[in-house]
Amino acid sequence: MTDQTLTIAARMEEKLRAALAPERLEVINESHLHAGHQEAFDGTGETHFRIRIVSDAFSGMPRLQRHRTVNDLLKAELQDTVHALAIEPAAPGEPVRW
């Protein structure tokens, strides 16, 4: 069971590691980049994230299914305070831009 006292980023990382055993994972809080995009939003908190993940679980899986897999794993966080989630999934050996 995930500890609710963890930050949202830490909860997301914990879930992704447990389910996908990634060889590489970055959960990046990009909330500060979106300050002013919404009225009264100053960019603080945990609302906008980018996930960069390389996992063997994605081997042979179409890109859309990879995104659905991550979204399904993070459903609770997306229903909580997460406003935006960018996902950059890859299987081992696939080129990445990061």
PDB file of N, CA and C in Angstrom:
ATOM      1  N   MET A   1       0.839  -1.184   0.000  1.00  0.00           N
ATOM      2  CA  MET A   1       0.000   0.000   0.000  1.00  0.00           C
ATOM      3  C   MET A   1       0.879   1.239   0.000  1.00  0.00           C
ATOM      4  N   THR A   2       0.535   2.200  -0.795  1.00  0.00           N
ATOM      5  CA  THR A   2       1.319   3.420  -0.918  1.00  0.00           C
ATOM      6  C   THR A   2       1.082   4.319   0.284  1.00  0.00           C
ATOM      7  N   ASP A   3       2.160   4.903   0.782  1.00  0.00           N
ATOM      8  CA  ASP A   3       2.106   5.808   1.933  1.00  0.00           C
ATOM      9  C   ASP A   3       1.595   7.175   1.491  1.00  0.00           C
ATOM     10  N   GLN A   4       0.454   7.598   2.027  1.00  0.00           N
ATOM     11  CA  GLN A   4      -0.150   8.875   1.653  1.00  0.00           C
ATOM     12  C   GLN A   4       0.622  10.081   2.196  1.00  0.00           C
ATOM     13  N   THR A   5       1.608   9.860   3.076  1.00  0.00           N
ATOM     14  CA  THR A   5       2.393  10.977   3.592  1.00  0.00           C
ATOM     15  C   THR A   5       3.517  11.353   2.634  1.00  0.00           C
ATOM     16  N   LEU A   6       3.757  10.536   1.620  1.00  0.00           N
ATOM     17  CA  LEU A   6       4.780  10.833   0.626  1.00  0.00           C
ATOM     18  C   LEU A   6       4.307  11.959  -0.286  1.00  0.00           C
ATOM     19  N   THR A   7       5.255  12.644  -0.914  1.00  0.00           N
ATOM     20  CA  THR A   7       4.881  13.629  -1.917  1.00  0.00           C
ATOM     21  C   THR A   7       4.224  12.901  -3.091  1.00  0.00           C
ATOM     22  N   ILE A   8       3.523  13.640  -3.902  1.00  0.00           N
ATOM     23  CA  ILE A   8       2.895  13.032  -5.076  1.00  0.00           C
ATOM     24  C   ILE A   8       3.961  12.433  -5.979  1.00  0.00           C
ATOM     25  N   ALA A   9       5.061  13.149  -6.173  1.00  0.00           N
ATOM     26  CA  ALA A   9       6.148  12.641  -7.015  1.00  0.00           C
ATOM     27  C   ALA A   9       6.687  11.326  -6.469  1.00  0.00           C
ATOM     28  N   ALA A  10       6.874  11.242  -5.178  1.00  0.00           N
ATOM     29  CA  ALA A  10       7.398  10.014  -4.560  1.00  0.00           C
ATOM     30  C   ALA A  10       6.393   8.868  -4.685  1.00  0.00           C
ATOM     31  N   ARG A  11       5.114   9.160  -4.536  1.00  0.00           N
ATOM     32  CA  ARG A  11       4.087   8.128  -4.701  1.00  0.00           C
ATOM     33  C   ARG A  11       4.076   7.600  -6.130  1.00  0.00           C
ATOM     34  N   MET A  12       4.184   8.515  -7.093  1.00  0.00           N
ATOM     35  CA  MET A  12       4.200   8.097  -8.491  1.00  0.00           C
ATOM     36  C   MET A  12       5.423   7.235  -8.775  1.00  0.00           C
ATOM     37  N   GLU A  13       6.572   7.654  -8.282  1.00  0.00           N
ATOM     38  CA  GLU A  13       7.795   6.887  -8.494  1.00  0.00           C
ATOM     39  C   GLU A  13       7.684   5.497  -7.876  1.00  0.00           C
ATOM     40  N   GLU A  14       7.157   5.429  -6.678  1.00  0.00           N
ATOM     41  CA  GLU A  14       6.996   4.148  -5.986  1.00  0.00           C
ATOM     42  C   GLU A  14       6.108   3.196  -6.791  1.00  0.00           C
ATOM     43  N   LYS A  15       4.994   3.703  -7.290  1.00  0.00           N
ATOM     44  CA  LYS A  15       4.072   2.869  -8.066  1.00  0.00           C
ATOM     45  C   LYS A  15       4.701   2.394  -9.371  1.00  0.00           C
ATOM     46  N   LEU A  16       5.384   3.288 -10.063  1.00  0.00           N
ATOM     47  CA  LEU A  16       6.006   2.925 -11.337  1.00  0.00           C
ATOM     48  C   LEU A  16       7.121   1.906 -11.141  1.00  0.00           C
ATOM     49  N   ARG A  17       7.926   2.081 -10.101  1.00  0.00           N
ATOM     50  CA  ARG A  17       9.004   1.124  -9.825  1.00  0.00           C
ATOM     51  C   ARG A  17       8.431  -0.259  -9.484  1.00  0.00           C
ATOM     52  N   ALA A  18       7.395  -0.283  -8.677  1.00  0.00           N
ATOM     53  CA  ALA A  18       6.803  -1.561  -8.259  1.00  0.00           C
ATOM     54  C   ALA A  18       6.173  -2.308  -9.432  1.00  0.00           C
ATOM     55  N   ALA A  19       5.496  -1.599 -10.306  1.00  0.00           N
ATOM     56  CA  ALA A  19       4.757  -2.244 -11.384  1.00  0.00           C
ATOM     57  C   ALA A  19       5.585  -2.518 -12.637  1.00  0.00           C
ATOM     58  N   LEU A  20       6.551  -1.645 -12.924  1.00  0.00           N
ATOM     59  CA  LEU A  20       7.254  -1.736 -14.207  1.00  0.00           C
ATOM     60  C   LEU A  20       8.740  -2.050 -14.103  1.00  0.00           C
ATOM     61  N   ALA A  21       9.280  -2.086 -12.889  1.00  0.00           N
ATOM     62  CA  ALA A  21      10.706  -2.390 -12.676  1.00  0.00           C
ATOM     63  C   ALA A  21      11.591  -1.686 -13.709  1.00  0.00           C
ATOM     64  N   PRO A  22      11.504  -0.365 -13.797  1.00  0.00           N
ATOM     65  CA  PRO A  22      12.253   0.347 -14.837  1.00  0.00           C
ATOM     66  C   PRO A  22      13.761   0.318 -14.610  1.00  0.00           C
ATOM     67  N   GLU A  23      14.486   0.318 -15.712  1.00  0.00           N
ATOM     68  CA  GLU A  23      15.942   0.432 -15.608  1.00  0.00           C
ATOM     69  C   GLU A  23      16.346   1.896 -15.505  1.00  0.00           C
ATOM     70  N   ARG A  24      15.427   2.769 -15.883  1.00  0.00           N
ATOM     71  CA  ARG A  24      15.662   4.212 -15.760  1.00  0.00           C
ATOM     72  C   ARG A  24      14.316   4.878 -15.520  1.00  0.00           C
ATOM     73  N   LEU A  25      14.279   5.795 -14.549  1.00  0.00           N
ATOM     74  CA  LEU A  25      13.038   6.489 -14.220  1.00  0.00           C
ATOM     75  C   LEU A  25      13.341   7.857 -13.665  1.00  0.00           C
ATOM     76  N   GLU A  26      12.663   8.855 -14.211  1.00  0.00           N
ATOM     77  CA  GLU A  26      12.717  10.215 -13.690  1.00  0.00           C
ATOM     78  C   GLU A  26      11.283  10.713 -13.559  1.00  0.00           C
ATOM     79  N   VAL A  27      10.925  11.171 -12.383  1.00  0.00           N
ATOM     80  CA  VAL A  27       9.642  11.825 -12.161  1.00  0.00           C
ATOM     81  C   VAL A  27       9.983  13.281 -11.867  1.00  0.00           C
ATOM     82  N   ILE A  28       9.685  14.152 -12.819  1.00  0.00           N
ATOM     83  CA  ILE A  28      10.118  15.544 -12.751  1.00  0.00           C
ATOM     84  C   ILE A  28       8.920  16.447 -12.491  1.00  0.00           C
ATOM     85  N   ASN A  29       9.012  17.229 -11.422  1.00  0.00           N
ATOM     86  CA  ASN A  29       7.969  18.199 -11.111  1.00  0.00           C
ATOM     87  C   ASN A  29       8.243  19.453 -11.936  1.00  0.00           C
ATOM     88  N   GLU A  30       7.366  19.732 -12.885  1.00  0.00           N
ATOM     89  CA  GLU A  30       7.512  20.897 -13.756  1.00  0.00           C
ATOM     90  C   GLU A  30       6.501  21.990 -13.428  1.00  0.00           C
ATOM     91  N   SER A  31       5.928  21.943 -12.253  1.00  0.00           N
ATOM     92  CA  SER A  31       4.885  22.895 -11.880  1.00  0.00           C
ATOM     93  C   SER A  31       5.354  24.340 -11.999  1.00  0.00           C
ATOM     94  N   HIS A  32       6.597  24.588 -11.615  1.00  0.00           N
ATOM     95  CA  HIS A  32       7.127  25.954 -11.643  1.00  0.00           C
ATOM     96  C   HIS A  32       7.166  26.533 -13.064  1.00  0.00           C
ATOM     97  N   LEU A  33       7.214  25.682 -14.062  1.00  0.00           N
ATOM     98  CA  LEU A  33       7.240  26.139 -15.454  1.00  0.00           C
ATOM     99  C   LEU A  33       5.884  26.651 -15.928  1.00  0.00           C
ATOM    100  N   HIS A  34       4.841  26.386 -15.151  1.00  0.00           N
ATOM    101  CA  HIS A  34       3.484  26.725 -15.556  1.00  0.00           C
ATOM    102  C   HIS A  34       2.877  27.861 -14.738  1.00  0.00           C
ATOM    103  N   ALA A  35       3.709  28.539 -13.978  1.00  0.00           N
ATOM    104  CA  ALA A  35       3.216  29.678 -13.185  1.00  0.00           C
ATOM    105  C   ALA A  35       2.567  30.705 -14.116  1.00  0.00           C
ATOM    106  N   GLY A  36       1.376  31.156 -13.731  1.00  0.00           N
ATOM    107  CA  GLY A  36       0.674  32.161 -14.506  1.00  0.00           C
ATOM    108  C   GLY A  36      -0.182  31.608 -15.630  1.00  0.00           C
ATOM    109  N   HIS A  37      -0.115  30.320 -15.913  1.00  0.00           N
ATOM    110  CA  HIS A  37      -0.926  29.744 -16.982  1.00  0.00           C
ATOM    111  C   HIS A  37      -2.392  29.644 -16.593  1.00  0.00           C
ATOM    112  N   GLN A  38      -2.637  29.567 -15.308  1.00  0.00           N
ATOM    113  CA  GLN A  38      -4.005  29.557 -14.800  1.00  0.00           C
ATOM    114  C   GLN A  38      -4.110  30.700 -13.808  1.00  0.00           C
ATOM    115  N   GLU A  39      -5.266  31.290 -13.743  1.00  0.00           N
ATOM    116  CA  GLU A  39      -5.470  32.394 -12.816  1.00  0.00           C
ATOM    117  C   GLU A  39      -5.133  31.968 -11.391  1.00  0.00           C
ATOM    118  N   ALA A  40      -4.332  32.748 -10.739  1.00  0.00           N
ATOM    119  CA  ALA A  40      -3.927  32.543  -9.345  1.00  0.00           C
ATOM    120  C   ALA A  40      -2.995  31.346  -9.139  1.00  0.00           C
ATOM    121  N   PHE A  41      -2.454  30.758 -10.207  1.00  0.00           N
ATOM    122  CA  PHE A  41      -1.500  29.660 -10.035  1.00  0.00           C
ATOM    123  C   PHE A  41      -0.092  30.228 -10.080  1.00  0.00           C
ATOM    124  N   ASP A  42       0.632  30.058  -8.964  1.00  0.00           N
ATOM    125  CA  ASP A  42       1.976  30.636  -8.858  1.00  0.00           C
ATOM    126  C   ASP A  42       3.098  29.641  -9.153  1.00  0.00           C
ATOM    127  N   GLY A  43       2.749  28.423  -9.535  1.00  0.00           N
ATOM    128  CA  GLY A  43       3.764  27.441  -9.900  1.00  0.00           C
ATOM    129  C   GLY A  43       4.263  26.595  -8.751  1.00  0.00           C
ATOM    130  N   THR A  44       3.722  26.791  -7.559  1.00  0.00           N
ATOM    131  CA  THR A  44       4.145  25.972  -6.428  1.00  0.00           C
ATOM    132  C   THR A  44       3.293  24.708  -6.366  1.00  0.00           C
ATOM    133  N   GLY A  45       3.772  23.761  -5.621  1.00  0.00           N
ATOM    134  CA  GLY A  45       3.018  22.526  -5.436  1.00  0.00           C
ATOM    135  C   GLY A  45       3.410  21.446  -6.422  1.00  0.00           C
ATOM    136  N   GLU A  46       2.527  20.467  -6.551  1.00  0.00           N
ATOM    137  CA  GLU A  46       2.769  19.316  -7.409  1.00  0.00           C
ATOM    138  C   GLU A  46       1.572  19.133  -8.339  1.00  0.00           C
ATOM    139  N   THR A  47       1.591  19.848  -9.435  1.00  0.00           N
ATOM    140  CA  THR A  47       0.460  19.825 -10.360  1.00  0.00           C
ATOM    141  C   THR A  47       0.837  19.401 -11.774  1.00  0.00           C
ATOM    142  N   HIS A  48       2.075  19.616 -12.175  1.00  0.00           N
ATOM    143  CA  HIS A  48       2.522  19.326 -13.539  1.00  0.00           C
ATOM    144  C   HIS A  48       3.781  18.451 -13.469  1.00  0.00           C
ATOM    145  N   PHE A  49       3.732  17.311 -14.136  1.00  0.00           N
ATOM    146  CA  PHE A  49       4.858  16.372 -14.076  1.00  0.00           C
ATOM    147  C   PHE A  49       5.250  15.874 -15.461  1.00  0.00           C
ATOM    148  N   ARG A  50       6.502  15.452 -15.548  1.00  0.00           N
ATOM    149  CA  ARG A  50       7.030  14.743 -16.714  1.00  0.00           C
ATOM    150  C   ARG A  50       7.626  13.445 -16.197  1.00  0.00           C
ATOM    151  N   ILE A  51       7.259  12.344 -16.850  1.00  0.00           N
ATOM    152  CA  ILE A  51       7.796  11.042 -16.474  1.00  0.00           C
ATOM    153  C   ILE A  51       8.610  10.509 -17.631  1.00  0.00           C
ATOM    154  N   ARG A  52       9.857  10.221 -17.341  1.00  0.00           N
ATOM    155  CA  ARG A  52      10.752   9.602 -18.308  1.00  0.00           C
ATOM    156  C   ARG A  52      11.060   8.213 -17.777  1.00  0.00           C
ATOM    157  N   ILE A  53      10.705   7.212 -18.555  1.00  0.00           N
ATOM    158  CA  ILE A  53      10.821   5.845 -18.047  1.00  0.00           C
ATOM    159  C   ILE A  53      11.261   4.891 -19.150  1.00  0.00           C
ATOM    160  N   VAL A  54      12.226   4.043 -18.803  1.00  0.00           N
ATOM    161  CA  VAL A  54      12.675   2.960 -19.680  1.00  0.00           C
ATOM    162  C   VAL A  54      12.412   1.665 -18.931  1.00  0.00           C
ATOM    163  N   SER A  55      11.585   0.817 -19.531  1.00  0.00           N
ATOM    164  CA  SER A  55      11.215  -0.432 -18.878  1.00  0.00           C
ATOM    165  C   SER A  55      11.053  -1.540 -19.910  1.00  0.00           C
ATOM    166  N   ASP A  56      11.505  -2.716 -19.546  1.00  0.00           N
ATOM    167  CA  ASP A  56      11.326  -3.884 -20.404  1.00  0.00           C
ATOM    168  C   ASP A  56       9.840  -4.196 -20.599  1.00  0.00           C
ATOM    169  N   ALA A  57       9.023  -3.753 -19.657  1.00  0.00           N
ATOM    170  CA  ALA A  57       7.577  -3.980 -19.767  1.00  0.00           C
ATOM    171  C   ALA A  57       6.999  -3.327 -21.029  1.00  0.00           C
ATOM    172  N   PHE A  58       7.686  -2.329 -21.571  1.00  0.00           N
ATOM    173  CA  PHE A  58       7.209  -1.634 -22.764  1.00  0.00           C
ATOM    174  C   PHE A  58       7.652  -2.311 -24.071  1.00  0.00           C
ATOM    175  N   SER A  59       8.491  -3.315 -23.980  1.00  0.00           N
ATOM    176  CA  SER A  59       8.971  -4.003 -25.186  1.00  0.00           C
ATOM    177  C   SER A  59       7.799  -4.570 -25.976  1.00  0.00           C
ATOM    178  N   GLY A  60       7.735  -4.241 -27.250  1.00  0.00           N
ATOM    179  CA  GLY A  60       6.675  -4.726 -28.123  1.00  0.00           C
ATOM    180  C   GLY A  60       5.321  -4.066 -27.911  1.00  0.00           C
ATOM    181  N   MET A  61       5.260  -3.106 -27.006  1.00  0.00           N
ATOM    182  CA  MET A  61       3.995  -2.440 -26.692  1.00  0.00           C
ATOM    183  C   MET A  61       3.892  -1.149 -27.516  1.00  0.00           C
ATOM    184  N   PRO A  62       2.765  -0.915 -28.178  1.00  0.00           N
ATOM    185  CA  PRO A  62       2.597   0.337 -28.918  1.00  0.00           C
ATOM    186  C   PRO A  62       2.643   1.551 -27.974  1.00  0.00           C
ATOM    187  N   ARG A  63       3.020   2.682 -28.529  1.00  0.00           N
ATOM    188  CA  ARG A  63       3.175   3.911 -27.737  1.00  0.00           C
ATOM    189  C   ARG A  63       1.903   4.262 -26.953  1.00  0.00           C
ATOM    190  N   LEU A  64       0.753   4.161 -27.593  1.00  0.00           N
ATOM    191  CA  LEU A  64      -0.495   4.497 -26.914  1.00  0.00           C
ATOM    192  C   LEU A  64      -0.721   3.588 -25.706  1.00  0.00           C
ATOM    193  N   GLN A  65      -0.440   2.316 -25.838  1.00  0.00           N
ATOM    194  CA  GLN A  65      -0.612   1.387 -24.726  1.00  0.00           C
ATOM    195  C   GLN A  65       0.363   1.698 -23.598  1.00  0.00           C
ATOM    196  N   ARG A  66       1.552   2.148 -23.933  1.00  0.00           N
ATOM    197  CA  ARG A  66       2.523   2.545 -22.904  1.00  0.00           C
ATOM    198  C   ARG A  66       1.969   3.704 -22.079  1.00  0.00           C
ATOM    199  N   HIS A  67       1.395   4.683 -22.761  1.00  0.00           N
ATOM    200  CA  HIS A  67       0.810   5.831 -22.069  1.00  0.00           C
ATOM    201  C   HIS A  67      -0.366   5.395 -21.206  1.00  0.00           C
ATOM    202  N   ARG A  68      -1.203   4.525 -21.737  1.00  0.00           N
ATOM    203  CA  ARG A  68      -2.356   4.030 -20.966  1.00  0.00           C
ATOM    204  C   ARG A  68      -1.900   3.266 -19.732  1.00  0.00           C
ATOM    205  N   THR A  69      -0.830   2.496 -19.874  1.00  0.00           N
ATOM    206  CA  THR A  69      -0.300   1.733 -18.739  1.00  0.00           C
ATOM    207  C   THR A  69       0.130   2.666 -17.620  1.00  0.00           C
ATOM    208  N   VAL A  70       0.867   3.705 -17.967  1.00  0.00           N
ATOM    209  CA  VAL A  70       1.330   4.668 -16.958  1.00  0.00           C
ATOM    210  C   VAL A  70       0.139   5.412 -16.360  1.00  0.00           C
ATOM    211  N   ASN A  71      -0.778   5.871 -17.209  1.00  0.00           N
ATOM    212  CA  ASN A  71      -1.961   6.581 -16.705  1.00  0.00           C
ATOM    213  C   ASN A  71      -2.787   5.709 -15.769  1.00  0.00           C
ATOM    214  N   ASP A  72      -2.953   4.441 -16.097  1.00  0.00           N
ATOM    215  CA  ASP A  72      -3.715   3.531 -15.229  1.00  0.00           C
ATOM    216  C   ASP A  72      -3.030   3.356 -13.873  1.00  0.00           C
ATOM    217  N   LEU A  73      -1.706   3.242 -13.887  1.00  0.00           N
ATOM    218  CA  LEU A  73      -0.965   3.085 -12.630  1.00  0.00           C
ATOM    219  C   LEU A  73      -1.067   4.329 -11.750  1.00  0.00           C
ATOM    220  N   LEU A  74      -1.197   5.488 -12.376  1.00  0.00           N
ATOM    221  CA  LEU A  74      -1.195   6.753 -11.632  1.00  0.00           C
ATOM    222  C   LEU A  74      -2.584   7.383 -11.558  1.00  0.00           C
ATOM    223  N   LYS A  75      -3.601   6.564 -11.722  1.00  0.00           N
ATOM    224  CA  LYS A  75      -4.979   7.053 -11.737  1.00  0.00           C
ATOM    225  C   LYS A  75      -5.334   7.884 -10.498  1.00  0.00           C
ATOM    226  N   ALA A  76      -4.932   7.423  -9.339  1.00  0.00           N
ATOM    227  CA  ALA A  76      -5.262   8.145  -8.099  1.00  0.00           C
ATOM    228  C   ALA A  76      -4.620   9.526  -8.070  1.00  0.00           C
ATOM    229  N   GLU A  77      -3.380   9.614  -8.512  1.00  0.00           N
ATOM    230  CA  GLU A  77      -2.679  10.901  -8.512  1.00  0.00           C
ATOM    231  C   GLU A  77      -3.288  11.851  -9.547  1.00  0.00           C
ATOM    232  N   LEU A  78      -3.710  11.306 -10.676  1.00  0.00           N
ATOM    233  CA  LEU A  78      -4.323  12.135 -11.709  1.00  0.00           C
ATOM    234  C   LEU A  78      -5.698  12.645 -11.278  1.00  0.00           C
ATOM    235  N   GLN A  79      -6.348  11.925 -10.396  1.00  0.00           N
ATOM    236  CA  GLN A  79      -7.642  12.374  -9.873  1.00  0.00           C
ATOM    237  C   GLN A  79      -7.455  13.302  -8.684  1.00  0.00           C
ATOM    238  N   ASP A  80      -6.246  13.349  -8.154  1.00  0.00           N
ATOM    239  CA  ASP A  80      -5.933  14.184  -6.990  1.00  0.00           C
ATOM    240  C   ASP A  80      -5.613  15.596  -7.481  1.00  0.00           C
ATOM    241  N   THR A  81      -4.380  16.021  -7.357  1.00  0.00           N
ATOM    242  CA  THR A  81      -4.012  17.394  -7.702  1.00  0.00           C
ATOM    243  C   THR A  81      -3.202  17.518  -8.979  1.00  0.00           C
ATOM    244  N   VAL A  82      -2.885  16.415  -9.630  1.00  0.00           N
ATOM    245  CA  VAL A  82      -2.084  16.481 -10.846  1.00  0.00           C
ATOM    246  C   VAL A  82      -2.949  16.999 -11.995  1.00  0.00           C
ATOM    247  N   HIS A  83      -2.507  18.101 -12.568  1.00  0.00           N
ATOM    248  CA  HIS A  83      -3.238  18.754 -13.650  1.00  0.00           C
ATOM    249  C   HIS A  83      -2.734  18.296 -15.019  1.00  0.00           C
ATOM    250  N   ALA A  84      -1.425  18.047 -15.112  1.00  0.00           N
ATOM    251  CA  ALA A  84      -0.836  17.668 -16.400  1.00  0.00           C
ATOM    252  C   ALA A  84       0.269  16.636 -16.189  1.00  0.00           C
ATOM    253  N   LEU A  85       0.336  15.683 -17.123  1.00  0.00           N
ATOM    254  CA  LEU A  85       1.340  14.630 -17.052  1.00  0.00           C
ATOM    255  C   LEU A  85       1.880  14.357 -18.451  1.00  0.00           C
ATOM    256  N   ALA A  86       3.161  14.622 -18.647  1.00  0.00           N
ATOM    257  CA  ALA A  86       3.838  14.287 -19.900  1.00  0.00           C
ATOM    258  C   ALA A  86       4.569  12.968 -19.678  1.00  0.00           C
ATOM    259  N   ILE A  87       4.392  12.033 -20.591  1.00  0.00           N
ATOM    260  CA  ILE A  87       4.981  10.707 -20.428  1.00  0.00           C
ATOM    261  C   ILE A  87       5.918  10.438 -21.597  1.00  0.00           C
ATOM    262  N   GLU A  88       7.142  10.049 -21.266  1.00  0.00           N
ATOM    263  CA  GLU A  88       8.140   9.700 -22.267  1.00  0.00           C
ATOM    264  C   GLU A  88       8.592   8.262 -21.999  1.00  0.00           C
ATOM    265  N   PRO A  89       7.831   7.276 -22.507  1.00  0.00           N
ATOM    266  CA  PRO A  89       8.144   5.873 -22.248  1.00  0.00           C
ATOM    267  C   PRO A  89       9.024   5.271 -23.341  1.00  0.00           C
ATOM    268  N   ALA A  90       9.866   4.336 -22.947  1.00  0.00           N
ATOM    269  CA  ALA A  90      10.711   3.629 -23.912  1.00  0.00           C
ATOM    270  C   ALA A  90      11.028   2.243 -23.378  1.00  0.00           C
ATOM    271  N   ALA A  91      11.306   1.345 -24.305  1.00  0.00           N
ATOM    272  CA  ALA A  91      11.816   0.022 -23.961  1.00  0.00           C
ATOM    273  C   ALA A  91      13.342   0.090 -24.021  1.00  0.00           C
ATOM    274  N   PRO A  92      14.035  -0.786 -23.338  1.00  0.00           N
ATOM    275  CA  PRO A  92      15.496  -0.780 -23.383  1.00  0.00           C
ATOM    276  C   PRO A  92      16.007  -0.853 -24.820  1.00  0.00           C
ATOM    277  N   GLY A  93      17.000  -0.045 -25.118  1.00  0.00           N
ATOM    278  CA  GLY A  93      17.588  -0.019 -26.445  1.00  0.00           C
ATOM    279  C   GLY A  93      16.940   0.942 -27.414  1.00  0.00           C
ATOM    280  N   GLU A  94      15.766   1.432 -27.092  1.00  0.00           N
ATOM    281  CA  GLU A  94      15.108   2.416 -27.967  1.00  0.00           C
ATOM    282  C   GLU A  94      15.728   3.790 -27.751  1.00  0.00           C
ATOM    283  N   PRO A  95      15.818   4.581 -28.803  1.00  0.00           N
ATOM    284  CA  PRO A  95      16.375   5.931 -28.648  1.00  0.00           C
ATOM    285  C   PRO A  95      15.451   6.811 -27.821  1.00  0.00           C
ATOM    286  N   VAL A  96      16.044   7.646 -26.992  1.00  0.00           N
ATOM    287  CA  VAL A  96      15.297   8.646 -26.228  1.00  0.00           C
ATOM    288  C   VAL A  96      15.944   9.994 -26.463  1.00  0.00           C
ATOM    289  N   ARG A  97      15.198  11.060 -26.219  1.00  0.00           N
ATOM    290  CA  ARG A  97      15.718  12.408 -26.408  1.00  0.00           C
ATOM    291  C   ARG A  97      16.311  12.979 -25.127  1.00  0.00           C
ATOM    292  N   TRP A  98      16.405  12.180 -24.097  1.00  0.00           N
ATOM    293  CA  TRP A  98      16.866  12.682 -22.801  1.00  0.00           C
ATOM    294  C   TRP A  98      17.969  11.858 -22.268  1.00  0.00           C
TER     295      TRP A  98
END
